[in-house]
Amino acid sequence: MPSLKALRTRIASVKSTQKITSAMKMVAASKLRRAQQQAEAARPYAVRMERMVAALSASVAGSPSAPQLLIGTGQDKVHLLIAVTADRGLAGAFNTNIGRATRLAARKLEAEGKTVKILTVGRKGRDYLRRELSSRMLDGISYAGKKRLEFSDAEEVANRVTAMLSAGEIDVATLIYNRFKSVIAQEVTEQQLIPAPPPPQTDTAETGAAYDFEPDEETILARLLPQALAIGIYTALLESAAGEHGARMAAMDNATRNAGDMIKRLTQNYNRARQANITRELIEIISGAEAL
């Protein structure tokens, strides 16, 4: 059994850790509210933008002069996977889930004979995927140190993807991120960005309606599609940020409770060891007195 001094040192160490995890939980909770509000506020705008693009693209999808962001390169050989993770850890399986989903998607595409390129947004995703897929990875993007994500950050990623598409370096681009559902639940989501996915069946009535566009649909789409791409990426960044704070809050809450349970067990062991030492000393004193 450990000595009393070792048990006291261990208890003090666990208590210090408990204070840290409790403080991190409160910090994550305070950041979560704002991040959740941003993510929820961006959803209706992103959904409406998708519907608008679908309505415009319905009539020009088969045209050879359709924008490249809408129809892609016409090939399906080189796939770009954009993995959105956090820059910090201590968030449970939040980052690991994205890394695992990206790895599985890459392996599946390569099994089909495709070429895979990976762009990471967040340091944790870069560190995770570098172990097995380093040859497929491009230079990652990190927003460590930024207090708040801006639309310009999403435009930076969108401009890079657009430049790769224009240069013929990629044919398909897919975004992989955690969609915020609740404080304890984040859903790994794969969203195809390029070429633009076909409209859902529920939007048939809207996309099939008769509209008069001024100027023509192709001109509007050429202006609208880059913005829609940036909006999709920005929405994913906000969803991921909210999910990160929720996952970290839940992880730190579990860590705090586990530390409390460990303190109880260590305190019990300490009391038992202390009582055993007292009993042994009393026996030694009584035995010595009887010997005299």
C-alpha atoms as a PDB file:
ATOM      1  CA  MET A   1       0.000   0.000   0.000  1.00  0.00           C
ATOM      2  CA  PRO A   2       1.342   3.506  -0.789  1.00  0.00           C
ATOM      3  CA  SER A   3       2.607   5.596   2.078  1.00  0.00           C
ATOM      4  CA  LEU A   4       0.510   8.317   3.687  1.00  0.00           C
ATOM      5  CA  LYS A   5       2.722  10.990   2.137  1.00  0.00           C
ATOM      6  CA  ALA A   6       2.276   9.495  -1.350  1.00  0.00           C
ATOM      7  CA  LEU A   7      -1.507   9.371  -0.884  1.00  0.00           C
ATOM      8  CA  ARG A   8      -1.618  12.996   0.317  1.00  0.00           C
ATOM      9  CA  THR A   9       0.434  14.075  -2.687  1.00  0.00           C
ATOM     10  CA  ARG A  10      -1.853  12.155  -5.047  1.00  0.00           C
ATOM     11  CA  ILE A  11      -5.004  13.655  -3.524  1.00  0.00           C
ATOM     12  CA  ALA A  12      -3.587  17.178  -3.814  1.00  0.00           C
ATOM     13  CA  SER A  13      -2.635  16.518  -7.451  1.00  0.00           C
ATOM     14  CA  VAL A  14      -6.103  15.233  -8.364  1.00  0.00           C
ATOM     15  CA  LYS A  15      -7.733  18.195  -6.634  1.00  0.00           C
ATOM     16  CA  SER A  16      -5.613  20.580  -8.703  1.00  0.00           C
ATOM     17  CA  THR A  17      -6.623  18.730 -11.870  1.00  0.00           C
ATOM     18  CA  GLN A  18     -10.276  18.917 -10.822  1.00  0.00           C
ATOM     19  CA  LYS A  19     -10.018  22.692 -10.452  1.00  0.00           C
ATOM     20  CA  ILE A  20      -8.562  22.969 -13.953  1.00  0.00           C
ATOM     21  CA  THR A  21     -11.217  20.773 -15.584  1.00  0.00           C
ATOM     22  CA  SER A  22     -13.981  22.608 -13.741  1.00  0.00           C
ATOM     23  CA  ALA A  23     -12.637  25.963 -14.947  1.00  0.00           C
ATOM     24  CA  MET A  24     -12.365  24.667 -18.522  1.00  0.00           C
ATOM     25  CA  LYS A  25     -15.952  23.440 -18.351  1.00  0.00           C
ATOM     26  CA  MET A  26     -17.184  26.902 -17.330  1.00  0.00           C
ATOM     27  CA  VAL A  27     -15.133  28.594 -20.061  1.00  0.00           C
ATOM     28  CA  ALA A  28     -16.515  26.197 -22.693  1.00  0.00           C
ATOM     29  CA  ALA A  29     -20.059  26.791 -21.421  1.00  0.00           C
ATOM     30  CA  SER A  30     -19.638  30.560 -21.715  1.00  0.00           C
ATOM     31  CA  LYS A  31     -18.301  30.266 -25.283  1.00  0.00           C
ATOM     32  CA  LEU A  32     -20.902  27.710 -26.296  1.00  0.00           C
ATOM     33  CA  ARG A  33     -23.862  30.077 -26.041  1.00  0.00           C
ATOM     34  CA  ARG A  34     -22.462  32.572 -28.532  1.00  0.00           C
ATOM     35  CA  ALA A  35     -21.174  29.871 -30.895  1.00  0.00           C
ATOM     36  CA  GLN A  36     -24.538  28.086 -30.826  1.00  0.00           C
ATOM     37  CA  GLN A  37     -26.385  31.297 -31.598  1.00  0.00           C
ATOM     38  CA  GLN A  38     -24.098  31.973 -34.573  1.00  0.00           C
ATOM     39  CA  ALA A  39     -24.518  28.450 -35.943  1.00  0.00           C
ATOM     40  CA  GLU A  40     -28.303  28.466 -35.596  1.00  0.00           C
ATOM     41  CA  ALA A  41     -28.567  31.928 -37.133  1.00  0.00           C
ATOM     42  CA  ALA A  42     -26.535  30.854 -40.189  1.00  0.00           C
ATOM     43  CA  ARG A  43     -28.584  27.742 -40.974  1.00  0.00           C
ATOM     44  CA  PRO A  44     -31.683  29.397 -42.543  1.00  0.00           C
ATOM     45  CA  TYR A  45     -29.512  31.602 -44.755  1.00  0.00           C
ATOM     46  CA  ALA A  46     -27.438  28.641 -45.940  1.00  0.00           C
ATOM     47  CA  VAL A  47     -30.544  26.556 -46.661  1.00  0.00           C
ATOM     48  CA  ARG A  48     -32.141  29.374 -48.617  1.00  0.00           C
ATOM     49  CA  MET A  49     -28.959  29.929 -50.593  1.00  0.00           C
ATOM     50  CA  GLU A  50     -28.919  26.234 -51.558  1.00  0.00           C
ATOM     51  CA  ARG A  51     -32.508  26.482 -52.765  1.00  0.00           C
ATOM     52  CA  MET A  52     -31.764  29.596 -54.784  1.00  0.00           C
ATOM     53  CA  VAL A  53     -28.751  27.980 -56.454  1.00  0.00           C
ATOM     54  CA  ALA A  54     -30.846  24.866 -57.166  1.00  0.00           C
ATOM     55  CA  ALA A  55     -33.574  26.977 -58.775  1.00  0.00           C
ATOM     56  CA  LEU A  56     -31.045  28.762 -60.983  1.00  0.00           C
ATOM     57  CA  SER A  57     -29.021  25.699 -61.890  1.00  0.00           C
ATOM     58  CA  ALA A  58     -31.997  23.577 -62.950  1.00  0.00           C
ATOM     59  CA  SER A  59     -32.126  25.222 -66.368  1.00  0.00           C
ATOM     60  CA  VAL A  60     -28.385  25.498 -67.078  1.00  0.00           C
ATOM     61  CA  ALA A  61     -27.020  22.241 -65.618  1.00  0.00           C
ATOM     62  CA  GLY A  62     -26.845  20.616 -69.066  1.00  0.00           C
ATOM     63  CA  SER A  63     -25.341  23.626 -70.814  1.00  0.00           C
ATOM     64  CA  PRO A  64     -21.659  23.361 -71.846  1.00  0.00           C
ATOM     65  CA  SER A  65     -21.137  26.979 -70.785  1.00  0.00           C
ATOM     66  CA  ALA A  66     -22.432  26.401 -67.237  1.00  0.00           C
ATOM     67  CA  PRO A  67     -20.124  27.694 -64.449  1.00  0.00           C
ATOM     68  CA  GLN A  68     -17.408  25.270 -63.394  1.00  0.00           C
ATOM     69  CA  LEU A  69     -18.419  25.504 -59.737  1.00  0.00           C
ATOM     70  CA  LEU A  70     -21.794  24.089 -60.738  1.00  0.00           C
ATOM     71  CA  ILE A  71     -20.828  21.211 -63.010  1.00  0.00           C
ATOM     72  CA  GLY A  72     -17.187  20.648 -62.022  1.00  0.00           C
ATOM     73  CA  THR A  73     -14.620  19.555 -64.576  1.00  0.00           C
ATOM     74  CA  GLY A  74     -16.782  16.794 -65.991  1.00  0.00           C
ATOM     75  CA  GLN A  75     -14.474  14.151 -64.541  1.00  0.00           C
ATOM     76  CA  ASP A  76     -14.380  12.141 -61.327  1.00  0.00           C
ATOM     77  CA  LYS A  77     -10.694  11.326 -60.865  1.00  0.00           C
ATOM     78  CA  VAL A  78      -9.276  13.687 -58.233  1.00  0.00           C
ATOM     79  CA  HIS A  79     -11.201  14.216 -55.016  1.00  0.00           C
ATOM     80  CA  LEU A  80     -10.471  16.914 -52.454  1.00  0.00           C
ATOM     81  CA  LEU A  81     -11.548  16.179 -48.877  1.00  0.00           C
ATOM     82  CA  ILE A  82     -11.790  19.235 -46.617  1.00  0.00           C
ATOM     83  CA  ALA A  83     -11.621  18.063 -42.985  1.00  0.00           C
ATOM     84  CA  VAL A  84     -12.793  20.659 -40.460  1.00  0.00           C
ATOM     85  CA  THR A  85     -11.564  20.070 -36.905  1.00  0.00           C
ATOM     86  CA  ALA A  86     -10.556  22.145 -33.899  1.00  0.00           C
ATOM     87  CA  ASP A  87      -7.171  23.674 -33.154  1.00  0.00           C
ATOM     88  CA  ARG A  88      -7.284  22.463 -29.550  1.00  0.00           C
ATOM     89  CA  GLY A  89      -7.878  19.113 -27.918  1.00  0.00           C
ATOM     90  CA  LEU A  90      -9.535  18.027 -24.661  1.00  0.00           C
ATOM     91  CA  ALA A  91     -12.884  17.714 -26.455  1.00  0.00           C
ATOM     92  CA  GLY A  92     -13.541  14.006 -26.227  1.00  0.00           C
ATOM     93  CA  ALA A  93     -13.926  12.256 -29.579  1.00  0.00           C
ATOM     94  CA  PHE A  94     -14.790  15.480 -31.440  1.00  0.00           C
ATOM     95  CA  ASN A  95     -11.606  15.652 -33.517  1.00  0.00           C
ATOM     96  CA  THR A  96     -11.079  11.887 -33.701  1.00  0.00           C
ATOM     97  CA  ASN A  97     -14.475  11.354 -35.339  1.00  0.00           C
ATOM     98  CA  ILE A  98     -13.633  13.732 -38.184  1.00  0.00           C
ATOM     99  CA  GLY A  99     -10.194  12.208 -38.633  1.00  0.00           C
ATOM    100  CA  ARG A 100     -11.665   8.716 -38.760  1.00  0.00           C
ATOM    101  CA  ALA A 101     -14.410   9.729 -41.217  1.00  0.00           C
ATOM    102  CA  THR A 102     -11.866  11.435 -43.492  1.00  0.00           C
ATOM    103  CA  ARG A 103      -9.559   8.437 -43.399  1.00  0.00           C
ATOM    104  CA  LEU A 104     -12.378   6.024 -44.259  1.00  0.00           C
ATOM    105  CA  ALA A 105     -13.572   8.268 -47.094  1.00  0.00           C
ATOM    106  CA  ALA A 106     -10.036   8.493 -48.487  1.00  0.00           C
ATOM    107  CA  ARG A 107      -9.531   4.724 -48.321  1.00  0.00           C
ATOM    108  CA  LYS A 108     -12.869   4.110 -50.038  1.00  0.00           C
ATOM    109  CA  LEU A 109     -12.096   6.524 -52.872  1.00  0.00           C
ATOM    110  CA  GLU A 110      -8.631   5.075 -53.386  1.00  0.00           C
ATOM    111  CA  ALA A 111     -10.111   1.571 -53.503  1.00  0.00           C
ATOM    112  CA  GLU A 112     -12.239   2.831 -56.411  1.00  0.00           C
ATOM    113  CA  GLY A 113      -9.143   4.061 -58.226  1.00  0.00           C
ATOM    114  CA  LYS A 114      -9.540   7.758 -57.376  1.00  0.00           C
ATOM    115  CA  THR A 115      -6.798  10.190 -56.414  1.00  0.00           C
ATOM    116  CA  VAL A 116      -7.332  11.829 -53.021  1.00  0.00           C
ATOM    117  CA  LYS A 117      -6.097  15.162 -51.743  1.00  0.00           C
ATOM    118  CA  ILE A 118      -6.802  16.347 -48.200  1.00  0.00           C
ATOM    119  CA  LEU A 119      -7.042  19.928 -46.960  1.00  0.00           C
ATOM    120  CA  THR A 120      -7.315  20.273 -43.187  1.00  0.00           C
ATOM    121  CA  VAL A 121      -8.880  23.216 -41.383  1.00  0.00           C
ATOM    122  CA  GLY A 122      -7.682  22.941 -37.793  1.00  0.00           C
ATOM    123  CA  ARG A 123      -4.449  21.623 -36.304  1.00  0.00           C
ATOM    124  CA  LYS A 124      -5.936  18.505 -34.697  1.00  0.00           C
ATOM    125  CA  GLY A 125      -7.149  17.155 -38.004  1.00  0.00           C
ATOM    126  CA  ARG A 126      -3.741  17.793 -39.556  1.00  0.00           C
ATOM    127  CA  ASP A 127      -1.965  15.975 -36.713  1.00  0.00           C
ATOM    128  CA  TYR A 128      -4.367  13.019 -36.849  1.00  0.00           C
ATOM    129  CA  LEU A 129      -4.296  12.493 -40.621  1.00  0.00           C
ATOM    130  CA  ARG A 130      -0.574  13.081 -40.970  1.00  0.00           C
ATOM    131  CA  ARG A 131       0.142   9.694 -39.393  1.00  0.00           C
ATOM    132  CA  GLU A 132      -1.346   7.610 -42.222  1.00  0.00           C
ATOM    133  CA  LEU A 133      -2.196   9.981 -45.081  1.00  0.00           C
ATOM    134  CA  SER A 134       0.694  12.443 -45.100  1.00  0.00           C
ATOM    135  CA  SER A 135       1.365  11.958 -48.815  1.00  0.00           C
ATOM    136  CA  ARG A 136      -2.190  13.052 -49.677  1.00  0.00           C
ATOM    137  CA  MET A 137      -2.221  16.148 -47.478  1.00  0.00           C
ATOM    138  CA  LEU A 138      -1.913  19.738 -48.624  1.00  0.00           C
ATOM    139  CA  ASP A 139      -0.846  22.617 -46.426  1.00  0.00           C
ATOM    140  CA  GLY A 140      -3.386  22.919 -43.607  1.00  0.00           C
ATOM    141  CA  ILE A 141      -5.235  26.027 -42.478  1.00  0.00           C
ATOM    142  CA  SER A 142      -5.383  26.977 -38.818  1.00  0.00           C
ATOM    143  CA  TYR A 143      -7.309  29.691 -36.983  1.00  0.00           C
ATOM    144  CA  ALA A 144      -5.588  29.188 -33.638  1.00  0.00           C
ATOM    145  CA  GLY A 145      -5.621  32.346 -31.581  1.00  0.00           C
ATOM    146  CA  LYS A 146      -8.676  33.867 -33.270  1.00  0.00           C
ATOM    147  CA  LYS A 147     -11.411  34.724 -30.834  1.00  0.00           C
ATOM    148  CA  ARG A 148     -14.160  34.706 -33.445  1.00  0.00           C
ATOM    149  CA  LEU A 149     -14.506  33.221 -36.910  1.00  0.00           C
ATOM    150  CA  GLU A 150     -15.275  35.704 -39.666  1.00  0.00           C
ATOM    151  CA  PHE A 151     -16.748  35.248 -43.130  1.00  0.00           C
ATOM    152  CA  SER A 152     -13.370  36.231 -44.570  1.00  0.00           C
ATOM    153  CA  ASP A 153     -11.919  33.045 -43.048  1.00  0.00           C
ATOM    154  CA  ALA A 154     -14.381  30.953 -45.036  1.00  0.00           C
ATOM    155  CA  GLU A 155     -13.652  32.997 -48.158  1.00  0.00           C
ATOM    156  CA  GLU A 156      -9.974  32.137 -47.741  1.00  0.00           C
ATOM    157  CA  VAL A 157     -10.781  28.426 -47.910  1.00  0.00           C
ATOM    158  CA  ALA A 158     -13.286  28.933 -50.737  1.00  0.00           C
ATOM    159  CA  ASN A 159     -10.803  30.915 -52.816  1.00  0.00           C
ATOM    160  CA  ARG A 160      -8.207  28.196 -52.410  1.00  0.00           C
ATOM    161  CA  VAL A 161     -10.647  25.493 -53.501  1.00  0.00           C
ATOM    162  CA  THR A 162     -11.779  27.596 -56.471  1.00  0.00           C
ATOM    163  CA  ALA A 163      -8.172  28.180 -57.550  1.00  0.00           C
ATOM    164  CA  MET A 164      -7.465  24.431 -57.418  1.00  0.00           C
ATOM    165  CA  LEU A 165     -10.578  23.744 -59.493  1.00  0.00           C
ATOM    166  CA  SER A 166      -9.649  26.381 -62.085  1.00  0.00           C
ATOM    167  CA  ALA A 167      -6.137  24.932 -62.355  1.00  0.00           C
ATOM    168  CA  GLY A 168      -7.552  21.470 -62.984  1.00  0.00           C
ATOM    169  CA  GLU A 169      -6.000  20.074 -59.806  1.00  0.00           C
ATOM    170  CA  ILE A 170      -9.296  18.641 -58.474  1.00  0.00           C
ATOM    171  CA  ASP A 171     -12.559  17.371 -59.910  1.00  0.00           C
ATOM    172  CA  VAL A 172     -14.723  16.898 -56.794  1.00  0.00           C
ATOM    173  CA  ALA A 173     -14.609  18.661 -53.405  1.00  0.00           C
ATOM    174  CA  THR A 174     -16.275  17.308 -50.273  1.00  0.00           C
ATOM    175  CA  LEU A 175     -16.529  18.970 -46.876  1.00  0.00           C
ATOM    176  CA  ILE A 176     -16.371  16.811 -43.718  1.00  0.00           C
ATOM    177  CA  TYR A 177     -17.318  18.475 -40.438  1.00  0.00           C
ATOM    178  CA  ASN A 178     -19.217  18.042 -37.174  1.00  0.00           C
ATOM    179  CA  ARG A 179     -22.762  19.403 -37.324  1.00  0.00           C
ATOM    180  CA  PHE A 180     -23.941  20.730 -33.974  1.00  0.00           C
ATOM    181  CA  LYS A 181     -27.077  18.992 -32.693  1.00  0.00           C
ATOM    182  CA  SER A 182     -26.881  19.464 -28.928  1.00  0.00           C
ATOM    183  CA  VAL A 183     -24.339  19.955 -26.167  1.00  0.00           C
ATOM    184  CA  ILE A 184     -23.643  16.226 -26.029  1.00  0.00           C
ATOM    185  CA  ALA A 185     -24.254  15.308 -29.667  1.00  0.00           C
ATOM    186  CA  GLN A 186     -22.406  16.282 -32.846  1.00  0.00           C
ATOM    187  CA  GLU A 187     -23.139  14.598 -36.158  1.00  0.00           C
ATOM    188  CA  VAL A 188     -20.325  13.902 -38.625  1.00  0.00           C
ATOM    189  CA  THR A 189     -21.530  15.336 -41.946  1.00  0.00           C
ATOM    190  CA  GLU A 190     -20.163  14.936 -45.473  1.00  0.00           C
ATOM    191  CA  GLN A 191     -21.272  17.711 -47.813  1.00  0.00           C
ATOM    192  CA  GLN A 192     -20.342  17.787 -51.481  1.00  0.00           C
ATOM    193  CA  LEU A 193     -19.363  21.271 -52.589  1.00  0.00           C
ATOM    194  CA  ILE A 194     -18.137  20.757 -56.165  1.00  0.00           C
ATOM    195  CA  PRO A 195     -19.913  19.956 -58.374  1.00  0.00           C
ATOM    196  CA  ALA A 196     -23.028  21.333 -56.744  1.00  0.00           C
ATOM    197  CA  PRO A 197     -25.288  18.448 -55.634  1.00  0.00           C
ATOM    198  CA  PRO A 198     -28.652  18.069 -57.394  1.00  0.00           C
ATOM    199  CA  PRO A 199     -31.641  19.661 -55.656  1.00  0.00           C
ATOM    200  CA  PRO A 200     -33.624  17.454 -53.275  1.00  0.00           C
ATOM    201  CA  GLN A 201     -36.878  15.965 -54.503  1.00  0.00           C
ATOM    202  CA  THR A 202     -38.826  18.148 -52.071  1.00  0.00           C
ATOM    203  CA  ASP A 203     -37.720  21.211 -53.988  1.00  0.00           C
ATOM    204  CA  THR A 204     -39.050  19.993 -57.333  1.00  0.00           C
ATOM    205  CA  ALA A 205     -41.979  22.384 -57.315  1.00  0.00           C
ATOM    206  CA  GLU A 206     -39.774  25.341 -56.558  1.00  0.00           C
ATOM    207  CA  THR A 207     -37.011  24.521 -59.047  1.00  0.00           C
ATOM    208  CA  GLY A 208     -39.544  23.710 -61.742  1.00  0.00           C
ATOM    209  CA  ALA A 209     -41.393  26.990 -61.401  1.00  0.00           C
ATOM    210  CA  ALA A 210     -41.159  29.557 -64.209  1.00  0.00           C
ATOM    211  CA  TYR A 211     -38.911  32.539 -63.463  1.00  0.00           C
ATOM    212  CA  ASP A 212     -37.651  35.381 -65.612  1.00  0.00           C
ATOM    213  CA  PHE A 213     -34.032  36.178 -64.740  1.00  0.00           C
ATOM    214  CA  GLU A 214     -32.318  39.450 -65.502  1.00  0.00           C
ATOM    215  CA  PRO A 215     -29.516  39.046 -66.460  1.00  0.00           C
ATOM    216  CA  ASP A 216     -29.520  35.392 -67.594  1.00  0.00           C
ATOM    217  CA  GLU A 217     -29.100  32.436 -65.245  1.00  0.00           C
ATOM    218  CA  GLU A 218     -25.470  31.742 -66.180  1.00  0.00           C
ATOM    219  CA  THR A 219     -24.405  35.298 -65.381  1.00  0.00           C
ATOM    220  CA  ILE A 220     -26.190  35.237 -62.033  1.00  0.00           C
ATOM    221  CA  LEU A 221     -24.712  31.849 -61.155  1.00  0.00           C
ATOM    222  CA  ALA A 222     -21.202  33.004 -62.041  1.00  0.00           C
ATOM    223  CA  ARG A 223     -21.605  35.697 -59.393  1.00  0.00           C
ATOM    224  CA  LEU A 224     -23.625  33.667 -56.914  1.00  0.00           C
ATOM    225  CA  LEU A 225     -21.765  30.338 -56.838  1.00  0.00           C
ATOM    226  CA  PRO A 226     -18.491  31.612 -55.295  1.00  0.00           C
ATOM    227  CA  GLN A 227     -20.510  33.285 -52.563  1.00  0.00           C
ATOM    228  CA  ALA A 228     -22.602  30.144 -52.036  1.00  0.00           C
ATOM    229  CA  LEU A 229     -19.397  28.097 -51.713  1.00  0.00           C
ATOM    230  CA  ALA A 230     -18.033  30.476 -49.078  1.00  0.00           C
ATOM    231  CA  ILE A 231     -21.361  30.453 -47.222  1.00  0.00           C
ATOM    232  CA  GLY A 232     -21.379  26.649 -47.135  1.00  0.00           C
ATOM    233  CA  ILE A 233     -17.860  26.578 -45.717  1.00  0.00           C
ATOM    234  CA  TYR A 234     -18.641  29.361 -43.238  1.00  0.00           C
ATOM    235  CA  THR A 235     -21.700  27.494 -41.990  1.00  0.00           C
ATOM    236  CA  ALA A 236     -19.572  24.373 -41.498  1.00  0.00           C
ATOM    237  CA  LEU A 237     -16.978  26.384 -39.549  1.00  0.00           C
ATOM    238  CA  LEU A 238     -19.670  27.789 -37.256  1.00  0.00           C
ATOM    239  CA  GLU A 239     -21.245  24.354 -36.747  1.00  0.00           C
ATOM    240  CA  SER A 240     -17.835  22.901 -35.950  1.00  0.00           C
ATOM    241  CA  ALA A 241     -17.016  25.705 -33.496  1.00  0.00           C
ATOM    242  CA  ALA A 242     -20.296  25.212 -31.621  1.00  0.00           C
ATOM    243  CA  GLY A 243     -19.780  21.453 -31.584  1.00  0.00           C
ATOM    244  CA  GLU A 244     -16.232  21.878 -30.276  1.00  0.00           C
ATOM    245  CA  HIS A 245     -17.342  23.947 -27.284  1.00  0.00           C
ATOM    246  CA  GLY A 246     -20.189  21.538 -26.563  1.00  0.00           C
ATOM    247  CA  ALA A 247     -17.899  18.509 -26.764  1.00  0.00           C
ATOM    248  CA  ARG A 248     -15.276  20.172 -24.567  1.00  0.00           C
ATOM    249  CA  MET A 249     -17.907  21.176 -22.016  1.00  0.00           C
ATOM    250  CA  ALA A 250     -19.189  17.590 -21.825  1.00  0.00           C
ATOM    251  CA  ALA A 251     -15.666  16.134 -21.682  1.00  0.00           C
ATOM    252  CA  MET A 252     -14.567  18.482 -18.909  1.00  0.00           C
ATOM    253  CA  ASP A 253     -17.758  17.787 -16.956  1.00  0.00           C
ATOM    254  CA  ASN A 254     -17.019  14.052 -17.121  1.00  0.00           C
ATOM    255  CA  ALA A 255     -13.400  14.670 -16.156  1.00  0.00           C
ATOM    256  CA  THR A 256     -14.456  16.787 -13.174  1.00  0.00           C
ATOM    257  CA  ARG A 257     -16.849  14.114 -11.920  1.00  0.00           C
ATOM    258  CA  ASN A 258     -14.251  11.378 -12.442  1.00  0.00           C
ATOM    259  CA  ALA A 259     -11.723  13.417 -10.489  1.00  0.00           C
ATOM    260  CA  GLY A 260     -14.232  13.744  -7.646  1.00  0.00           C
ATOM    261  CA  ASP A 261     -14.748   9.968  -7.608  1.00  0.00           C
ATOM    262  CA  MET A 262     -11.004   9.407  -7.559  1.00  0.00           C
ATOM    263  CA  ILE A 263     -10.583  11.851  -4.679  1.00  0.00           C
ATOM    264  CA  LYS A 264     -13.168   9.901  -2.686  1.00  0.00           C
ATOM    265  CA  ARG A 265     -11.390   6.598  -3.326  1.00  0.00           C
ATOM    266  CA  LEU A 266      -7.979   8.039  -2.475  1.00  0.00           C
ATOM    267  CA  THR A 267      -9.356   9.643   0.693  1.00  0.00           C
ATOM    268  CA  GLN A 268     -10.787   6.305   1.772  1.00  0.00           C
ATOM    269  CA  ASN A 269      -7.456   4.604   1.152  1.00  0.00           C
ATOM    270  CA  TYR A 270      -5.683   7.359   3.055  1.00  0.00           C
ATOM    271  CA  ASN A 271      -8.009   7.003   6.055  1.00  0.00           C
ATOM    272  CA  ARG A 272      -7.612   3.241   6.054  1.00  0.00           C
ATOM    273  CA  ALA A 273      -3.823   3.501   5.879  1.00  0.00           C
ATOM    274  CA  ARG A 274      -3.796   6.115   8.621  1.00  0.00           C
ATOM    275  CA  GLN A 275      -6.044   3.986  10.820  1.00  0.00           C
ATOM    276  CA  ALA A 276      -3.820   0.957  10.199  1.00  0.00           C
ATOM    277  CA  ASN A 277      -0.744   2.946  11.237  1.00  0.00           C
ATOM    278  CA  ILE A 278      -2.464   4.162  14.403  1.00  0.00           C
ATOM    279  CA  THR A 279      -3.582   0.626  15.249  1.00  0.00           C
ATOM    280  CA  ARG A 280      -0.083  -0.735  14.668  1.00  0.00           C
ATOM    281  CA  GLU A 281       1.460   1.954  16.861  1.00  0.00           C
ATOM    282  CA  LEU A 282      -1.035   1.222  19.633  1.00  0.00           C
ATOM    283  CA  ILE A 283      -0.244  -2.475  19.442  1.00  0.00           C
ATOM    284  CA  GLU A 284       3.460  -1.712  19.651  1.00  0.00           C
ATOM    285  CA  ILE A 285       2.935   0.518  22.691  1.00  0.00           C
ATOM    286  CA  ILE A 286       0.749  -2.051  24.473  1.00  0.00           C
ATOM    287  CA  SER A 287       3.147  -4.878  23.641  1.00  0.00           C
ATOM    288  CA  GLY A 288       6.072  -2.827  24.954  1.00  0.00           C
ATOM    289  CA  ALA A 289       4.229  -1.997  28.171  1.00  0.00           C
ATOM    290  CA  GLU A 290       3.339  -5.639  28.765  1.00  0.00           C
ATOM    291  CA  ALA A 291       6.953  -6.647  28.182  1.00  0.00           C
ATOM    292  CA  LEU A 292       8.089  -4.294  30.906  1.00  0.00           C
END
